[in-house]
Amino acid sequence: MANPNKVDVAVMRSMLSRARGLGSAKSGTAHWWAQRVTAIALIPLAVWFVATIIQLSHQPRAAVGHWMASPIHAALLLALLAAMFHHMQLGLAVVIEDYVPAHRPKVAILLLVRAASAVLFLASAISVVRLAVAG
């Protein structure tokens, strides 16, 4: 005799899902973790950046150039840029996947967002390196 309190998992799946044999894609975990790791990394980096900008706001250009010449500051700024642009790309990908209608070319839009994020990061990183080298 069947237990009336036991829920049959197969009943909870849709008819179309059972017909196709589809289940969970099991691919969202890495994306979820990447978003959380970049968000956590951005907290101290953003606090450091804002505090530094406040300190340097009334300094002459030479002092800012001297500050940028420090390898530690340049490395922290590059880490901030990498985390920021990666986090932005991950967040935009979620928005596109969830809210762009199915009849739109999602893959093309996602590739465009990824390429734009990479180009923006590269332009920013080149600027930081040039400023760090120029002092």
Protein backbone atom coordinates (compact mmCIF):
# COMPACT_ATOMS: atom_id res chain seq x y z
CA MET A 1 0.00 0.00 0.00
CA ALA A 2 1.38 3.41 -0.96
CA ASN A 3 2.17 5.99 1.67
CA PRO A 4 -0.32 8.91 1.26
CA ASN A 5 2.16 11.39 2.82
CA LYS A 6 4.90 10.67 0.31
CA VAL A 7 5.03 13.05 -2.68
CA ASP A 8 5.93 11.53 -6.01
CA VAL A 9 8.65 13.71 -7.54
CA ALA A 10 7.75 12.62 -11.07
CA VAL A 11 4.29 14.16 -10.63
CA MET A 12 5.85 17.57 -9.86
CA ARG A 13 7.61 17.71 -13.25
CA SER A 14 5.69 19.18 -16.17
CA MET A 15 4.34 16.94 -18.90
CA LEU A 16 6.61 18.56 -21.48
CA SER A 17 9.65 18.11 -19.23
CA ARG A 18 8.87 14.42 -18.78
CA ALA A 19 8.34 13.99 -22.51
CA ARG A 20 11.68 15.58 -23.35
CA GLY A 21 13.53 14.03 -20.44
CA LEU A 22 14.80 17.42 -19.34
CA GLY A 23 15.68 18.35 -15.84
CA SER A 24 17.87 20.90 -14.17
CA ALA A 25 20.73 22.20 -16.29
CA LYS A 26 22.99 22.21 -13.19
CA SER A 27 25.11 25.00 -14.67
CA GLY A 28 24.15 28.00 -12.56
CA THR A 29 26.29 27.23 -9.52
CA ALA A 30 29.56 28.51 -10.98
CA HIS A 31 27.88 31.71 -12.16
CA TRP A 32 26.26 32.22 -8.74
CA TRP A 33 29.59 31.72 -6.93
CA ALA A 34 31.42 34.05 -9.33
CA GLN A 35 28.88 36.78 -8.62
CA ARG A 36 29.27 36.34 -4.86
CA VAL A 37 33.08 36.22 -4.95
CA THR A 38 33.34 39.35 -7.08
CA ALA A 39 30.80 41.14 -4.88
CA ILE A 40 32.77 40.27 -1.74
CA ALA A 41 36.04 41.33 -3.40
CA LEU A 42 34.49 44.63 -4.45
CA ILE A 43 33.60 45.62 -0.88
CA PRO A 44 37.13 46.26 0.48
CA LEU A 45 38.43 47.39 -2.90
CA ALA A 46 35.66 49.98 -3.29
CA VAL A 47 36.13 51.23 0.28
CA TRP A 48 39.88 51.56 -0.36
CA PHE A 49 39.25 53.39 -3.65
CA VAL A 50 36.72 55.86 -2.22
CA ALA A 51 38.92 56.59 0.81
CA THR A 52 41.92 57.14 -1.47
CA ILE A 53 39.98 59.44 -3.80
CA ILE A 54 38.84 61.49 -0.80
CA GLN A 55 42.44 61.76 0.42
CA LEU A 56 43.77 62.71 -3.01
CA SER A 57 40.95 65.11 -3.91
CA HIS A 58 42.81 68.21 -2.73
CA GLN A 59 46.31 67.09 -3.71
CA PRO A 60 48.23 68.52 -6.68
CA ARG A 61 48.63 66.44 -9.84
CA ALA A 62 52.23 65.55 -8.97
CA ALA A 63 51.13 63.94 -5.70
CA VAL A 64 48.50 61.89 -7.50
CA GLY A 65 51.10 60.80 -10.07
CA HIS A 66 53.46 59.79 -7.27
CA TRP A 67 50.64 57.83 -5.62
CA MET A 68 49.89 56.06 -8.93
CA ALA A 69 53.55 55.13 -9.39
CA SER A 70 53.32 52.77 -6.43
CA PRO A 71 53.06 49.14 -7.63
CA ILE A 72 50.75 48.28 -4.73
CA HIS A 73 48.27 51.02 -5.63
CA ALA A 74 48.38 50.11 -9.31
CA ALA A 75 47.82 46.42 -8.49
CA LEU A 76 44.90 47.23 -6.19
CA LEU A 77 43.38 49.46 -8.84
CA LEU A 78 43.75 46.71 -11.46
CA ALA A 79 42.13 44.23 -9.07
CA LEU A 80 39.25 46.68 -8.53
CA LEU A 81 38.79 47.08 -12.28
CA ALA A 82 38.93 43.33 -12.94
CA ALA A 83 36.40 42.53 -10.20
CA MET A 84 34.15 45.42 -11.21
CA PHE A 85 33.98 44.62 -14.92
CA HIS A 86 33.60 40.88 -14.31
CA HIS A 87 30.82 41.50 -11.78
CA MET A 88 29.14 43.88 -14.24
CA GLN A 89 29.30 41.30 -17.02
CA LEU A 90 27.87 38.57 -14.77
CA GLY A 91 25.02 40.79 -13.61
CA LEU A 92 24.13 41.92 -17.12
CA ALA A 93 24.16 38.30 -18.28
CA VAL A 94 21.57 37.41 -15.62
CA VAL A 95 19.38 40.36 -16.60
CA ILE A 96 19.59 39.42 -20.29
CA GLU A 97 18.89 35.74 -19.64
CA ASP A 98 15.91 36.53 -17.43
CA TYR A 99 14.28 39.50 -19.16
CA VAL A 100 15.13 39.45 -22.87
CA PRO A 101 12.28 37.76 -24.76
CA ALA A 102 12.93 34.30 -26.17
CA HIS A 103 12.59 35.45 -29.79
CA ARG A 104 15.60 37.79 -29.42
CA PRO A 105 19.14 36.50 -30.14
CA LYS A 106 20.27 36.13 -26.53
CA VAL A 107 23.59 34.51 -27.40
CA ALA A 108 24.59 37.44 -29.61
CA ILE A 109 23.61 39.94 -26.92
CA LEU A 110 25.51 37.99 -24.26
CA LEU A 111 28.61 37.86 -26.48
CA LEU A 112 28.33 41.60 -27.12
CA VAL A 113 28.13 42.31 -23.39
CA ARG A 114 31.12 40.06 -22.71
CA ALA A 115 33.16 41.70 -25.48
CA ALA A 116 32.24 45.21 -24.32
CA SER A 117 33.23 44.33 -20.75
CA ALA A 118 36.57 42.99 -21.94
CA VAL A 119 37.28 46.05 -24.10
CA LEU A 120 36.37 48.42 -21.26
CA PHE A 121 38.57 46.51 -18.84
CA LEU A 122 41.50 46.48 -21.27
CA ALA A 123 41.20 50.23 -21.91
CA SER A 124 41.05 50.89 -18.16
CA ALA A 125 43.96 48.55 -17.41
CA ILE A 126 46.11 50.16 -20.10
CA SER A 127 45.34 53.57 -18.61
CA VAL A 128 46.31 52.42 -15.12
CA VAL A 129 49.56 50.86 -16.35
CA ARG A 130 50.46 53.99 -18.36
CA LEU A 131 49.80 56.20 -15.33
CA ALA A 132 51.79 53.88 -13.08
CA VAL A 133 54.75 53.81 -15.44
CA ALA A 134 54.68 57.56 -16.10
CA GLY A 135 54.47 58.34 -12.41
